[in-house]
Amino acid sequence: MSDKVIENITTNTRVATIQCIYSVIFLGEKLSGKTMRYFKNKSFLSEEDTLGDKSAEINSKLFSYLVKGVIRNQDTIDNIINQNLKIDIKKNDQLVISIIRAGAFEILFRENTPANVIIAEYTKIANEFYPSNKTALVNAVLDKIAKSKKEAK
């Protein structure tokens, strides 16, 4: 499998994760097998982005790990995000917060992925949904979280 295909699968997995945690946390859906299957089977990337593969694959193991990890560690993640936001988490755009939550979880708990890669990926995803000011917010908060984690070591 080429690096581009693996990158697309990882991006698609992260987008599905963001959508799923948004639905669970902000829309109040129950985190169930049915909810997880819905987002695992949903195609979030265009045909062009997936090298002609209309199925837009998702890494099921990574998806489950990310969704369950964000939900399980939500209080810890939210406290860290609030320390790095100028406006309270509850007063921010909830999809932006979902993007930041997923990125923060990866920075804090996925030791095998460099923080700069995680930040770049979630900033790229935010750019697909929002204008540059929201993208800059995602980038800045995740960067602060990564620097705080590095300083704590």
C-alpha atoms as a PDB file:
ATOM      1  CA  MET A   1       0.000   0.000   0.000  1.00  0.00           C
ATOM      2  CA  SER A   2       1.436   3.413  -0.925  1.00  0.00           C
ATOM      3  CA  ASP A   3       2.143   6.149   1.607  1.00  0.00           C
ATOM      4  CA  LYS A   4      -0.574   8.318  -0.011  1.00  0.00           C
ATOM      5  CA  VAL A   5      -3.210   5.593   0.441  1.00  0.00           C
ATOM      6  CA  ILE A   6      -2.179   5.093   4.088  1.00  0.00           C
ATOM      7  CA  GLU A   7      -2.303   8.866   4.618  1.00  0.00           C
ATOM      8  CA  ASN A   8      -5.808   9.028   3.121  1.00  0.00           C
ATOM      9  CA  ILE A   9      -7.006   6.179   5.324  1.00  0.00           C
ATOM     10  CA  THR A  10      -5.602   7.912   8.408  1.00  0.00           C
ATOM     11  CA  THR A  11      -7.172  11.255   7.441  1.00  0.00           C
ATOM     12  CA  ASN A  12     -10.509   9.599   6.781  1.00  0.00           C
ATOM     13  CA  THR A  13     -10.288   7.823  10.131  1.00  0.00           C
ATOM     14  CA  ARG A  14      -9.659  11.113  11.920  1.00  0.00           C
ATOM     15  CA  VAL A  15     -12.564  12.842  10.159  1.00  0.00           C
ATOM     16  CA  ALA A  16     -14.875   9.950  11.073  1.00  0.00           C
ATOM     17  CA  THR A  17     -13.625  10.198  14.662  1.00  0.00           C
ATOM     18  CA  ILE A  18     -14.393  13.919  14.818  1.00  0.00           C
ATOM     19  CA  GLN A  19     -17.885  13.384  13.410  1.00  0.00           C
ATOM     20  CA  CYS A  20     -18.575  10.527  15.807  1.00  0.00           C
ATOM     21  CA  ILE A  21     -17.409  12.334  18.950  1.00  0.00           C
ATOM     22  CA  TYR A  22     -19.368  15.420  17.876  1.00  0.00           C
ATOM     23  CA  SER A  23     -22.493  13.297  17.581  1.00  0.00           C
ATOM     24  CA  VAL A  24     -21.932  11.592  20.924  1.00  0.00           C
ATOM     25  CA  ILE A  25     -20.818  14.582  23.009  1.00  0.00           C
ATOM     26  CA  PHE A  26     -22.786  17.465  21.526  1.00  0.00           C
ATOM     27  CA  LEU A  27     -25.809  15.814  19.978  1.00  0.00           C
ATOM     28  CA  GLY A  28     -26.221  13.368  22.845  1.00  0.00           C
ATOM     29  CA  GLU A  29     -26.158  10.179  20.806  1.00  0.00           C
ATOM     30  CA  LYS A  30     -25.251   7.058  22.722  1.00  0.00           C
ATOM     31  CA  LEU A  31     -21.823   5.622  21.953  1.00  0.00           C
ATOM     32  CA  SER A  32     -23.033   2.288  20.685  1.00  0.00           C
ATOM     33  CA  GLY A  33     -21.962  -0.281  18.142  1.00  0.00           C
ATOM     34  CA  LYS A  34     -24.574   1.152  15.782  1.00  0.00           C
ATOM     35  CA  THR A  35     -23.150   4.680  16.083  1.00  0.00           C
ATOM     36  CA  MET A  36     -19.597   3.432  15.626  1.00  0.00           C
ATOM     37  CA  ARG A  37     -20.595   1.390  12.543  1.00  0.00           C
ATOM     38  CA  TYR A  38     -22.352   4.383  10.996  1.00  0.00           C
ATOM     39  CA  PHE A  39     -19.218   6.520  11.106  1.00  0.00           C
ATOM     40  CA  LYS A  40     -16.852   3.664  10.218  1.00  0.00           C
ATOM     41  CA  ASN A  41     -18.848   2.980   7.053  1.00  0.00           C
ATOM     42  CA  LYS A  42     -19.355   6.591   6.013  1.00  0.00           C
ATOM     43  CA  SER A  43     -17.236   7.953   3.184  1.00  0.00           C
ATOM     44  CA  PHE A  44     -15.830  11.353   4.144  1.00  0.00           C
ATOM     45  CA  LEU A  45     -13.240  11.885   1.435  1.00  0.00           C
ATOM     46  CA  SER A  46     -13.917  12.706  -2.169  1.00  0.00           C
ATOM     47  CA  GLU A  47     -13.025  10.215  -4.905  1.00  0.00           C
ATOM     48  CA  GLU A  48     -10.130  12.462  -5.907  1.00  0.00           C
ATOM     49  CA  ASP A  49      -8.676  12.416  -2.367  1.00  0.00           C
ATOM     50  CA  THR A  50      -8.834   8.639  -2.161  1.00  0.00           C
ATOM     51  CA  LEU A  51      -6.982   7.912  -5.398  1.00  0.00           C
ATOM     52  CA  GLY A  52     -10.159   6.740  -7.096  1.00  0.00           C
ATOM     53  CA  ASP A  53     -11.232   4.478  -4.226  1.00  0.00           C
ATOM     54  CA  LYS A  54     -14.856   5.438  -3.658  1.00  0.00           C
ATOM     55  CA  SER A  55     -15.062   3.419  -0.436  1.00  0.00           C
ATOM     56  CA  ALA A  56     -12.669   5.814   1.362  1.00  0.00           C
ATOM     57  CA  GLU A  57     -11.391   3.230   3.797  1.00  0.00           C
ATOM     58  CA  ILE A  58     -11.171   3.773   7.532  1.00  0.00           C
ATOM     59  CA  ASN A  59      -8.721   2.107   9.892  1.00  0.00           C
ATOM     60  CA  SER A  60     -11.257   0.441  12.215  1.00  0.00           C
ATOM     61  CA  LYS A  61      -8.807  -0.199  15.051  1.00  0.00           C
ATOM     62  CA  LEU A  62      -7.543   3.381  15.047  1.00  0.00           C
ATOM     63  CA  PHE A  63     -11.096   4.728  14.788  1.00  0.00           C
ATOM     64  CA  SER A  64     -12.274   2.698  17.796  1.00  0.00           C
ATOM     65  CA  TYR A  65      -9.182   3.649  19.801  1.00  0.00           C
ATOM     66  CA  LEU A  66      -9.599   7.360  19.069  1.00  0.00           C
ATOM     67  CA  VAL A  67     -13.351   7.568  19.663  1.00  0.00           C
ATOM     68  CA  LYS A  68     -13.317   5.533  22.863  1.00  0.00           C
ATOM     69  CA  GLY A  69     -10.183   7.314  24.073  1.00  0.00           C
ATOM     70  CA  VAL A  70     -11.633  10.792  23.577  1.00  0.00           C
ATOM     71  CA  ILE A  71     -14.909   9.838  25.271  1.00  0.00           C
ATOM     72  CA  ARG A  72     -13.161   8.029  28.156  1.00  0.00           C
ATOM     73  CA  ASN A  73     -10.707  10.891  28.748  1.00  0.00           C
ATOM     74  CA  GLN A  74     -13.044  13.787  27.950  1.00  0.00           C
ATOM     75  CA  ASP A  75     -12.743  15.517  31.345  1.00  0.00           C
ATOM     76  CA  THR A  76      -8.936  15.427  31.287  1.00  0.00           C
ATOM     77  CA  ILE A  77      -8.809  16.570  27.662  1.00  0.00           C
ATOM     78  CA  ASP A  78     -11.351  19.364  28.255  1.00  0.00           C
ATOM     79  CA  ASN A  79      -9.404  20.671  31.272  1.00  0.00           C
ATOM     80  CA  ILE A  80      -6.223  20.821  29.199  1.00  0.00           C
ATOM     81  CA  ILE A  81      -8.035  22.480  26.286  1.00  0.00           C
ATOM     82  CA  ASN A  82      -9.602  25.062  28.631  1.00  0.00           C
ATOM     83  CA  GLN A  83      -6.139  25.936  29.958  1.00  0.00           C
ATOM     84  CA  ASN A  84      -5.106  26.769  26.391  1.00  0.00           C
ATOM     85  CA  LEU A  85      -8.211  28.617  25.166  1.00  0.00           C
ATOM     86  CA  LYS A  86      -9.024  32.286  25.655  1.00  0.00           C
ATOM     87  CA  ILE A  87     -12.766  31.545  25.563  1.00  0.00           C
ATOM     88  CA  ASP A  88     -14.352  28.769  27.637  1.00  0.00           C
ATOM     89  CA  ILE A  89     -14.742  25.485  25.785  1.00  0.00           C
ATOM     90  CA  LYS A  90     -18.536  25.644  26.131  1.00  0.00           C
ATOM     91  CA  LYS A  91     -18.650  29.009  24.347  1.00  0.00           C
ATOM     92  CA  ASN A  92     -16.643  27.856  21.314  1.00  0.00           C
ATOM     93  CA  ASP A  93     -17.869  26.302  18.093  1.00  0.00           C
ATOM     94  CA  GLN A  94     -18.578  22.694  19.011  1.00  0.00           C
ATOM     95  CA  LEU A  95     -17.202  21.149  15.821  1.00  0.00           C
ATOM     96  CA  VAL A  96     -13.949  23.081  16.320  1.00  0.00           C
ATOM     97  CA  ILE A  97     -13.840  21.725  19.877  1.00  0.00           C
ATOM     98  CA  SER A  98     -14.392  18.192  18.530  1.00  0.00           C
ATOM     99  CA  ILE A  99     -11.425  18.654  16.194  1.00  0.00           C
ATOM    100  CA  ILE A 100      -9.286  19.976  19.043  1.00  0.00           C
ATOM    101  CA  ARG A 101     -10.400  17.155  21.369  1.00  0.00           C
ATOM    102  CA  ALA A 102      -9.400  14.480  18.891  1.00  0.00           C
ATOM    103  CA  GLY A 103      -6.052  16.150  18.208  1.00  0.00           C
ATOM    104  CA  ALA A 104      -5.390  16.705  21.910  1.00  0.00           C
ATOM    105  CA  PHE A 105      -6.129  13.054  22.653  1.00  0.00           C
ATOM    106  CA  GLU A 106      -3.609  11.955  20.055  1.00  0.00           C
ATOM    107  CA  ILE A 107      -0.950  14.374  21.309  1.00  0.00           C
ATOM    108  CA  LEU A 108      -1.474  13.256  24.897  1.00  0.00           C
ATOM    109  CA  PHE A 109      -1.937   9.514  24.427  1.00  0.00           C
ATOM    110  CA  ARG A 110      -0.423   8.378  21.095  1.00  0.00           C
ATOM    111  CA  GLU A 111       3.277   8.324  21.803  1.00  0.00           C
ATOM    112  CA  ASN A 112       4.129   6.736  18.432  1.00  0.00           C
ATOM    113  CA  THR A 113       2.889   9.672  16.335  1.00  0.00           C
ATOM    114  CA  PRO A 114       4.888  12.921  16.395  1.00  0.00           C
ATOM    115  CA  ALA A 115       2.956  15.949  17.666  1.00  0.00           C
ATOM    116  CA  ASN A 116       3.842  18.011  14.586  1.00  0.00           C
ATOM    117  CA  VAL A 117       2.234  15.366  12.339  1.00  0.00           C
ATOM    118  CA  ILE A 118      -0.912  15.315  14.486  1.00  0.00           C
ATOM    119  CA  ILE A 119      -1.134  19.126  14.535  1.00  0.00           C
ATOM    120  CA  ALA A 120      -0.657  19.381  10.768  1.00  0.00           C
ATOM    121  CA  GLU A 121      -3.321  16.738  10.116  1.00  0.00           C
ATOM    122  CA  TYR A 122      -5.976  18.266  12.370  1.00  0.00           C
ATOM    123  CA  THR A 123      -5.202  21.751  11.043  1.00  0.00           C
ATOM    124  CA  LYS A 124      -5.683  20.407   7.504  1.00  0.00           C
ATOM    125  CA  ILE A 125      -8.990  18.827   8.522  1.00  0.00           C
ATOM    126  CA  ALA A 126     -10.156  22.067  10.189  1.00  0.00           C
ATOM    127  CA  ASN A 127      -9.309  23.906   6.973  1.00  0.00           C
ATOM    128  CA  GLU A 128     -11.798  21.698   5.127  1.00  0.00           C
ATOM    129  CA  PHE A 129     -14.606  22.862   7.441  1.00  0.00           C
ATOM    130  CA  TYR A 130     -13.664  26.447   8.335  1.00  0.00           C
ATOM    131  CA  PRO A 131     -11.968  29.669   7.237  1.00  0.00           C
ATOM    132  CA  SER A 132      -8.409  30.385   8.331  1.00  0.00           C
ATOM    133  CA  ASN A 133      -9.226  31.987  11.715  1.00  0.00           C
ATOM    134  CA  LYS A 134     -10.737  28.725  13.010  1.00  0.00           C
ATOM    135  CA  THR A 135      -7.924  26.727  11.452  1.00  0.00           C
ATOM    136  CA  ALA A 136      -5.431  28.972  13.246  1.00  0.00           C
ATOM    137  CA  LEU A 137      -7.248  28.338  16.537  1.00  0.00           C
ATOM    138  CA  VAL A 138      -6.967  24.574  16.094  1.00  0.00           C
ATOM    139  CA  ASN A 139      -3.284  24.897  15.212  1.00  0.00           C
ATOM    140  CA  ALA A 140      -2.511  27.230  18.145  1.00  0.00           C
ATOM    141  CA  VAL A 141      -4.307  25.208  20.823  1.00  0.00           C
ATOM    142  CA  LEU A 142      -2.844  21.884  19.698  1.00  0.00           C
ATOM    143  CA  ASP A 143       0.613  23.454  19.492  1.00  0.00           C
ATOM    144  CA  LYS A 144       0.288  24.779  23.068  1.00  0.00           C
ATOM    145  CA  ILE A 145      -0.832  21.352  24.285  1.00  0.00           C
ATOM    146  CA  ALA A 146       2.125  19.685  22.566  1.00  0.00           C
ATOM    147  CA  LYS A 147       4.587  22.197  24.040  1.00  0.00           C
ATOM    148  CA  SER A 148       3.082  21.791  27.537  1.00  0.00           C
ATOM    149  CA  LYS A 149       3.395  18.022  27.263  1.00  0.00           C
ATOM    150  CA  LYS A 150       7.023  18.314  26.125  1.00  0.00           C
ATOM    151  CA  GLU A 151       7.851  20.697  28.992  1.00  0.00           C
ATOM    152  CA  ALA A 152       6.217  18.357  31.519  1.00  0.00           C
ATOM    153  CA  LYS A 153       8.582  15.525  30.546  1.00  0.00           C
END
